């Protein structure tokens, strides 16, 4: 019998960055129809702009919250980013969440920007400025990286959108506890990583949004097979903070070292690791994985659909929502 227990937190879904353009708005509408609480768009260099995507899907839907993950602090002027976010939040009150992060160093350099000597200082100043401006306050006039001399927004939203930091490491997560409304945790966000991140955050009551590669199927093994390709990169050094809290971290690293590349690593990973590092399996198993992330402190679990058919995957992922057969 299928469990229909209510989940203690929200469930969202990611808008795939490579979704054909004619499917973008139908996908957003379908996510809302299926009962997802949130839809998250990504801003990866060379793909689609995050603010343009957010504006379009907000206008095409009526209820679902739209998350922006993430705006790179080194690429977007804080004053103009605040204007864009304030406008979206005015037009669609209570339906926007903004994620901000360091950005990928390689992308920032490719795009002609300079990586700051102190990324933490930039992020501190940027998040502080963004939140102040969205509240109708003056931005900082004399920061090391962010200067908003005399800037105050005339048009501010009645519902100020939360600003989350999309960061991995302990120092950056501790910063989020000081200057942001919470955390956005990239995939994989296993419960042990969520709990460790909350310890770094250092406070309670914060928003904690997690991403995870996901596939749901009545044939649980087929779902596990479908998410493997989405785990190919997580054995690389940048993902160490995600892996360090896991009980199989040492075996995980040894397995990656023994593999020729990420594809072989993901293909040959033990199935129990795949289940720990993704939301996958039967509807009951996927729902249990979501609940475990909520129990660890996630307020919203965002599912990144795996497989070649995103619209079909979206319908399958909805089987893991409460009350679905």
Protein backbone atom coordinates (compact mmCIF):
# COMPACT_ATOMS: atom_id res chain seq x y z
CA UNK A 1 0.00 0.00 0.00
CA UNK A 2 1.31 3.49 -0.88
CA UNK A 3 2.04 5.80 2.02
CA UNK A 4 0.36 9.24 1.82
CA UNK A 5 1.87 10.81 4.94
CA UNK A 6 2.16 14.56 4.77
CA UNK A 7 5.71 15.81 4.36
CA UNK A 8 6.91 18.35 6.96
CA UNK A 9 8.31 20.74 4.35
CA UNK A 10 7.86 21.94 0.80
CA UNK A 11 8.76 20.11 -2.41
CA UNK A 12 9.96 21.90 -5.53
CA UNK A 13 11.22 20.99 -8.95
CA UNK A 14 14.00 22.38 -11.12
CA UNK A 15 13.48 23.81 -14.59
CA UNK A 16 16.17 21.98 -16.63
CA UNK A 17 18.62 24.39 -18.19
CA UNK A 18 18.61 22.50 -21.50
CA UNK A 19 14.83 22.27 -21.84
CA UNK A 20 13.80 23.16 -25.42
CA UNK A 21 12.46 26.69 -25.42
CA UNK A 22 8.97 25.68 -26.59
CA UNK A 23 8.65 23.46 -23.48
CA UNK A 24 9.71 26.02 -20.87
CA UNK A 25 6.33 27.58 -20.12
CA UNK A 26 4.35 24.32 -20.50
CA UNK A 27 6.79 22.72 -18.04
CA UNK A 28 6.24 25.56 -15.53
CA UNK A 29 2.46 25.33 -15.84
CA UNK A 30 2.53 21.57 -15.51
CA UNK A 31 4.69 21.76 -12.37
CA UNK A 32 2.06 24.02 -10.84
CA UNK A 33 -0.81 21.77 -11.93
CA UNK A 34 0.90 18.72 -10.43
CA UNK A 35 1.10 20.38 -7.02
CA UNK A 36 4.77 21.29 -6.62
CA UNK A 37 5.30 24.15 -4.18
CA UNK A 38 8.26 25.75 -5.94
CA UNK A 39 9.95 25.92 -9.35
CA UNK A 40 13.65 26.79 -9.44
CA UNK A 41 15.46 28.22 -12.46
CA UNK A 42 19.23 28.14 -12.88
CA UNK A 43 21.63 30.71 -14.31
CA UNK A 44 24.58 28.87 -15.82
CA UNK A 45 26.96 30.70 -18.16
CA UNK A 46 26.05 30.17 -21.79
CA UNK A 47 22.53 28.90 -21.12
CA UNK A 48 19.51 31.06 -20.17
CA UNK A 49 19.39 34.13 -17.95
CA UNK A 50 17.92 33.56 -14.53
CA UNK A 51 15.93 36.78 -14.19
CA UNK A 52 14.38 36.43 -17.66
CA UNK A 53 13.35 32.86 -16.88
CA UNK A 54 11.92 33.81 -13.50
CA UNK A 55 9.91 36.69 -14.97
CA UNK A 56 8.49 34.50 -17.72
CA UNK A 57 7.43 31.58 -15.52
CA UNK A 58 5.99 33.87 -12.85
CA UNK A 59 3.82 35.50 -15.51
CA UNK A 60 2.79 32.11 -16.94
CA UNK A 61 1.68 30.66 -13.58
CA UNK A 62 -0.49 31.81 -10.72
CA UNK A 63 0.51 30.11 -7.49
CA UNK A 64 3.88 28.41 -7.55
CA UNK A 65 6.87 30.11 -5.92
CA UNK A 66 9.78 30.71 -8.29
CA UNK A 67 13.35 30.46 -7.04
CA UNK A 68 16.40 31.97 -8.73
CA UNK A 69 19.47 29.84 -8.23
CA UNK A 70 21.89 31.40 -8.35
CA UNK A 71 22.82 34.96 -9.27
CA UNK A 72 26.63 35.22 -9.21
CA UNK A 73 27.70 38.18 -7.08
CA UNK A 74 30.73 38.83 -9.27
CA UNK A 75 28.66 39.22 -12.43
CA UNK A 76 25.63 41.31 -11.46
CA UNK A 77 25.75 44.81 -10.00
CA UNK A 78 23.98 44.72 -6.64
CA UNK A 79 21.92 47.88 -7.22
CA UNK A 80 20.56 46.75 -10.57
CA UNK A 81 20.00 43.19 -9.33
CA UNK A 82 17.96 44.65 -6.46
CA UNK A 83 15.86 46.66 -8.94
CA UNK A 84 15.11 43.53 -10.98
CA UNK A 85 14.22 41.44 -7.93
CA UNK A 86 12.11 44.21 -6.41
CA UNK A 87 10.15 44.56 -9.64
CA UNK A 88 9.47 40.84 -9.86
CA UNK A 89 8.43 40.76 -6.20
CA UNK A 90 6.10 43.73 -6.68
CA UNK A 91 4.40 42.15 -9.68
CA UNK A 92 4.19 38.68 -8.10
CA UNK A 93 4.03 39.23 -4.32
CA UNK A 94 5.15 36.36 -2.13
CA UNK A 95 6.18 34.16 -5.04
CA UNK A 96 9.91 34.88 -5.41
CA UNK A 97 13.04 33.59 -3.67
CA UNK A 98 16.48 34.84 -4.70
CA UNK A 99 19.64 32.75 -4.50
CA UNK A 100 23.04 34.46 -4.60
CA UNK A 101 26.49 32.91 -4.62
CA UNK A 102 30.15 33.30 -5.44
CA UNK A 103 29.65 31.99 -8.95
CA UNK A 104 31.96 29.51 -10.61
CA UNK A 105 35.46 30.97 -10.78
CA UNK A 106 36.05 29.59 -14.28
CA UNK A 107 32.85 31.17 -15.56
CA UNK A 108 33.60 34.54 -13.99
CA UNK A 109 37.02 34.58 -15.63
CA UNK A 110 35.63 33.40 -18.97
CA UNK A 111 33.14 36.25 -18.91
CA UNK A 112 35.89 38.83 -18.46
CA UNK A 113 35.50 39.35 -14.74
CA UNK A 114 38.19 39.25 -12.10
CA UNK A 115 37.92 36.76 -9.25
CA UNK A 116 37.98 38.85 -6.05
CA UNK A 117 40.91 38.65 -3.67
CA UNK A 118 38.33 38.01 -0.93
CA UNK A 119 35.24 36.17 -2.24
CA UNK A 120 33.75 36.11 1.26
CA UNK A 121 33.99 39.89 1.57
CA UNK A 122 32.29 40.34 -1.80
CA UNK A 123 29.48 37.99 -0.85
CA UNK A 124 29.02 39.62 2.56
CA UNK A 125 28.76 43.08 1.03
CA UNK A 126 26.58 41.92 -1.85
CA UNK A 127 24.01 40.05 0.24
CA UNK A 128 23.86 42.88 2.77
CA UNK A 129 23.32 45.46 0.02
CA UNK A 130 20.68 43.39 -1.75
CA UNK A 131 18.63 42.83 1.38
CA UNK A 132 18.88 46.47 2.46
CA UNK A 133 17.84 47.80 -0.95
CA UNK A 134 14.91 45.38 -1.19
CA UNK A 135 13.67 46.72 2.17
CA UNK A 136 13.84 50.31 0.91
CA UNK A 137 17.00 51.17 2.84
CA UNK A 138 20.22 52.73 1.61
CA UNK A 139 22.81 50.39 0.19
CA UNK A 140 26.37 50.56 1.57
CA UNK A 141 28.29 53.52 0.19
CA UNK A 142 31.87 52.48 0.79
CA UNK A 143 32.31 48.72 0.63
CA UNK A 144 35.46 47.11 -0.66
CA UNK A 145 33.59 45.65 -3.65
CA UNK A 146 29.98 46.88 -3.40
CA UNK A 147 29.24 50.60 -3.44
CA UNK A 148 25.72 51.97 -3.61
CA UNK A 149 26.39 55.62 -2.80
CA UNK A 150 23.07 57.44 -2.50
CA UNK A 151 21.07 54.52 -3.93
CA UNK A 152 17.64 53.79 -2.48
CA UNK A 153 14.89 52.01 -4.39
CA UNK A 154 11.72 54.01 -4.97
CA UNK A 155 9.73 50.91 -5.90
CA UNK A 156 9.94 48.27 -3.20
CA UNK A 157 7.82 45.14 -2.76
CA UNK A 158 5.25 44.68 0.00
CA UNK A 159 6.57 41.13 0.44
CA UNK A 160 10.36 41.24 0.46
CA UNK A 161 11.75 38.09 -1.19
CA UNK A 162 14.09 35.93 0.87
CA UNK A 163 17.74 36.08 -0.16
CA UNK A 164 19.55 32.75 0.21
CA UNK A 165 23.25 32.08 -0.24
CA UNK A 166 24.03 29.24 -2.63
CA UNK A 167 27.33 28.15 -1.10
CA UNK A 168 29.10 24.90 -0.20
CA UNK A 169 31.91 25.46 2.28
CA UNK A 170 31.75 25.96 6.06
CA UNK A 171 32.97 29.58 6.09
CA UNK A 172 30.53 30.65 3.38
CA UNK A 173 27.69 28.82 5.11
CA UNK A 174 28.54 30.54 8.39
CA UNK A 175 28.37 33.85 6.49
CA UNK A 176 24.87 32.95 5.33
CA UNK A 177 23.84 32.71 8.96
CA UNK A 178 24.95 36.31 9.43
CA UNK A 179 23.83 38.15 6.27
CA UNK A 180 21.16 36.08 4.48
CA UNK A 181 17.77 34.50 5.03
CA UNK A 182 19.16 31.01 4.66
CA UNK A 183 20.94 28.53 2.39
CA UNK A 184 20.54 27.04 -1.05
CA UNK A 185 22.39 23.71 -1.16
CA UNK A 186 23.37 22.32 -4.56
CA UNK A 187 23.14 18.65 -5.33
CA UNK A 188 23.82 16.20 -3.85
CA UNK A 189 22.19 17.24 -0.60
CA UNK A 190 22.05 14.04 1.43
CA UNK A 191 20.61 14.43 4.95
CA UNK A 192 24.06 14.31 6.57
CA UNK A 193 25.21 17.22 4.38
CA UNK A 194 22.05 19.19 5.18
CA UNK A 195 22.62 18.68 8.91
CA UNK A 196 26.31 19.66 8.66
CA UNK A 197 25.39 22.79 6.68
CA UNK A 198 22.91 23.82 9.35
CA UNK A 199 25.59 23.49 12.00
CA UNK A 200 27.79 25.81 9.95
CA UNK A 201 24.88 28.22 9.47
CA UNK A 202 24.73 28.57 13.25
CA UNK A 203 21.11 29.57 13.72
CA UNK A 204 17.60 28.20 13.59
CA UNK A 205 14.58 29.37 11.67
CA UNK A 206 16.39 29.86 8.37
CA UNK A 207 15.23 28.78 4.94
CA UNK A 208 17.22 25.78 3.66
CA UNK A 209 16.51 24.81 0.06
CA UNK A 210 18.18 21.67 -1.31
CA UNK A 211 18.73 20.37 -4.82
CA UNK A 212 18.94 16.68 -5.71
CA UNK A 213 18.97 14.68 -8.92
CA UNK A 214 15.72 12.72 -8.96
CA UNK A 215 13.83 9.94 -10.73
CA UNK A 216 10.72 8.09 -9.61
CA UNK A 217 9.41 4.87 -11.11
CA UNK A 218 7.25 1.97 -9.96
CA UNK A 219 10.33 -0.03 -10.99
CA UNK A 220 12.71 1.31 -8.35
CA UNK A 221 15.83 -0.12 -9.98
CA UNK A 222 14.98 1.63 -13.25
CA UNK A 223 14.77 4.92 -11.34
CA UNK A 224 18.17 4.31 -9.74
CA UNK A 225 19.68 3.62 -13.16
CA UNK A 226 18.19 6.85 -14.52
CA UNK A 227 19.86 9.15 -11.97
CA UNK A 228 23.38 7.75 -12.29
CA UNK A 229 24.47 10.05 -15.13
CA UNK A 230 23.51 13.06 -13.02
CA UNK A 231 26.03 12.00 -10.35
CA UNK A 232 29.05 11.84 -12.66
CA UNK A 233 30.65 15.07 -11.43
CA UNK A 234 30.26 14.66 -7.68
CA UNK A 235 33.51 12.77 -7.18
CA UNK A 236 35.52 15.86 -8.16
CA UNK A 237 37.20 18.05 -5.50
CA UNK A 238 34.64 20.87 -5.63
CA UNK A 239 32.03 18.50 -4.22
CA UNK A 240 34.09 17.48 -1.18
CA UNK A 241 31.92 19.43 1.31
CA UNK A 242 28.89 17.42 0.16
CA UNK A 243 30.68 14.10 0.65
CA UNK A 244 32.73 14.68 3.81
CA UNK A 245 29.79 14.20 6.25
CA UNK A 246 28.73 10.85 4.72
CA UNK A 247 29.56 7.56 6.48
CA UNK A 248 30.96 6.11 3.24
CA UNK A 249 33.11 9.15 2.32
CA UNK A 250 36.43 7.24 2.38
CA UNK A 251 35.10 4.39 0.25
CA UNK A 252 33.51 6.94 -2.09
CA UNK A 253 36.86 8.66 -2.71
CA UNK A 254 38.65 5.37 -3.21
CA UNK A 255 36.03 4.35 -5.77
CA UNK A 256 36.45 7.62 -7.67
CA UNK A 257 40.24 7.24 -7.67
CA UNK A 258 39.91 3.77 -9.17
CA UNK A 259 37.71 4.98 -12.06
CA UNK A 260 38.97 6.43 -15.32
CA UNK A 261 36.39 9.22 -15.41
CA UNK A 262 33.17 10.48 -13.90
CA UNK A 263 30.98 8.44 -16.21
CA UNK A 264 32.59 5.16 -15.13
CA UNK A 265 32.46 6.30 -11.51
CA UNK A 266 28.70 6.97 -11.65
CA UNK A 267 27.95 3.87 -13.69
CA UNK A 268 29.68 1.56 -11.21
CA UNK A 269 28.73 3.26 -7.94
CA UNK A 270 26.97 0.95 -5.46
CA UNK A 271 23.20 1.31 -5.65
CA UNK A 272 22.95 2.17 -1.95
CA UNK A 273 25.20 5.19 -2.52
CA UNK A 274 23.03 6.30 -5.43
CA UNK A 275 19.95 6.11 -3.20
CA UNK A 276 21.73 8.19 -0.54
CA UNK A 277 22.90 10.83 -3.03
CA UNK A 278 19.69 11.26 -5.03
CA UNK A 279 15.93 11.19 -4.57
CA UNK A 280 15.11 8.01 -6.41
CA UNK A 281 13.32 4.69 -6.40
CA UNK A 282 9.63 3.90 -6.10
CA UNK A 283 7.21 6.67 -5.04
CA UNK A 284 7.40 5.46 -1.42
CA UNK A 285 11.20 5.36 -1.50
CA UNK A 286 11.45 8.80 -3.06
CA UNK A 287 8.98 10.22 -0.55
CA UNK A 288 11.06 8.74 2.28
CA UNK A 289 14.20 10.36 0.85
CA UNK A 290 12.45 13.72 0.71
CA UNK A 291 11.19 13.31 4.28
CA UNK A 292 14.72 12.47 5.47
CA UNK A 293 15.98 15.74 4.01
CA UNK A 294 13.15 17.63 5.69
CA UNK A 295 13.98 15.90 8.97
CA UNK A 296 17.60 16.99 8.63
CA UNK A 297 16.51 20.63 8.31
CA UNK A 298 15.57 21.31 4.69
CA UNK A 299 12.53 23.56 4.35
CA UNK A 300 12.17 22.84 0.62
CA UNK A 301 13.52 19.85 -1.32
CA UNK A 302 13.94 20.64 -5.03
CA UNK A 303 14.02 17.72 -7.45
CA UNK A 304 16.15 17.93 -10.61
CA UNK A 305 14.54 15.52 -13.11
CA UNK A 306 16.82 12.89 -14.63
CA UNK A 307 16.35 11.29 -18.03
CA UNK A 308 15.71 12.32 -21.63
CA UNK A 309 12.04 13.32 -21.22
CA UNK A 310 11.72 16.20 -18.71
CA UNK A 311 7.94 16.57 -19.04
CA UNK A 312 7.46 12.84 -18.55
CA UNK A 313 9.89 12.88 -15.64
CA UNK A 314 7.95 15.75 -14.08
CA UNK A 315 4.78 13.66 -13.97
CA UNK A 316 6.70 10.74 -12.46
CA UNK A 317 8.31 12.95 -9.80
CA UNK A 318 4.88 14.12 -8.72
CA UNK A 319 4.17 10.54 -7.60
CA UNK A 320 6.42 11.28 -4.63
CA UNK A 321 4.23 14.18 -3.47
CA UNK A 322 1.93 13.55 -0.49
CA UNK A 323 -1.37 11.96 -1.41
CA UNK A 324 -0.19 10.65 -4.78
CA UNK A 325 -0.79 7.02 -5.67
